[in-house]
């Protein structure tokens, strides 16, 4: 991908992300009454049609045919899937580690073995989603020979990814930008 095509894609990416402005700094939200939360109560109301997260078989139960490093990758994959679903449906302010753990079917200990806190998990998720989307868009661009076709393919590819993966897009462009 040549430099001018890359810069055009960055401008297009920036234009798309402006559709989701971050919250203004210093602006105060209207006061809301304090809300009592039941332990992980909000995860029960998640729309199962919105996304599906494969849960672990249960506490202390795991596929013993997998090597330890494969089990770690599988746990991270489940946590990232649950984190995407929980953040996209509830937002960062309303999400808790318990919500993510319940949706992923893992214990809090497993979560904290992988991440320092919810913010570091969001940061890693954003990095992972950004890397994957960049690689996908780069593949669309490299498939074209002419710079105009490359630009069109890159923008269409990015917008297609946003349309196909709404939860991931919301996390990348709205939740992570406001964090």
Foldseek 3Di string as FASTA:
>chain_A
DDDVLVVLLVVLVVVVLVVADADDPPDDDPDDDDDDDDQLPVLVPQDCVLDAADAAPAVPDHDPVDDPVVVLVVLLVRLLRLLLRCCLVPNDVRDALRNSCVRRRHDSVSVVVPAVGNLRNLVVSLVVLVVVLVVQLVVQLVVDDDSVSSNVSSSVSNVVVCVVNVSSVCSNSHRNVND
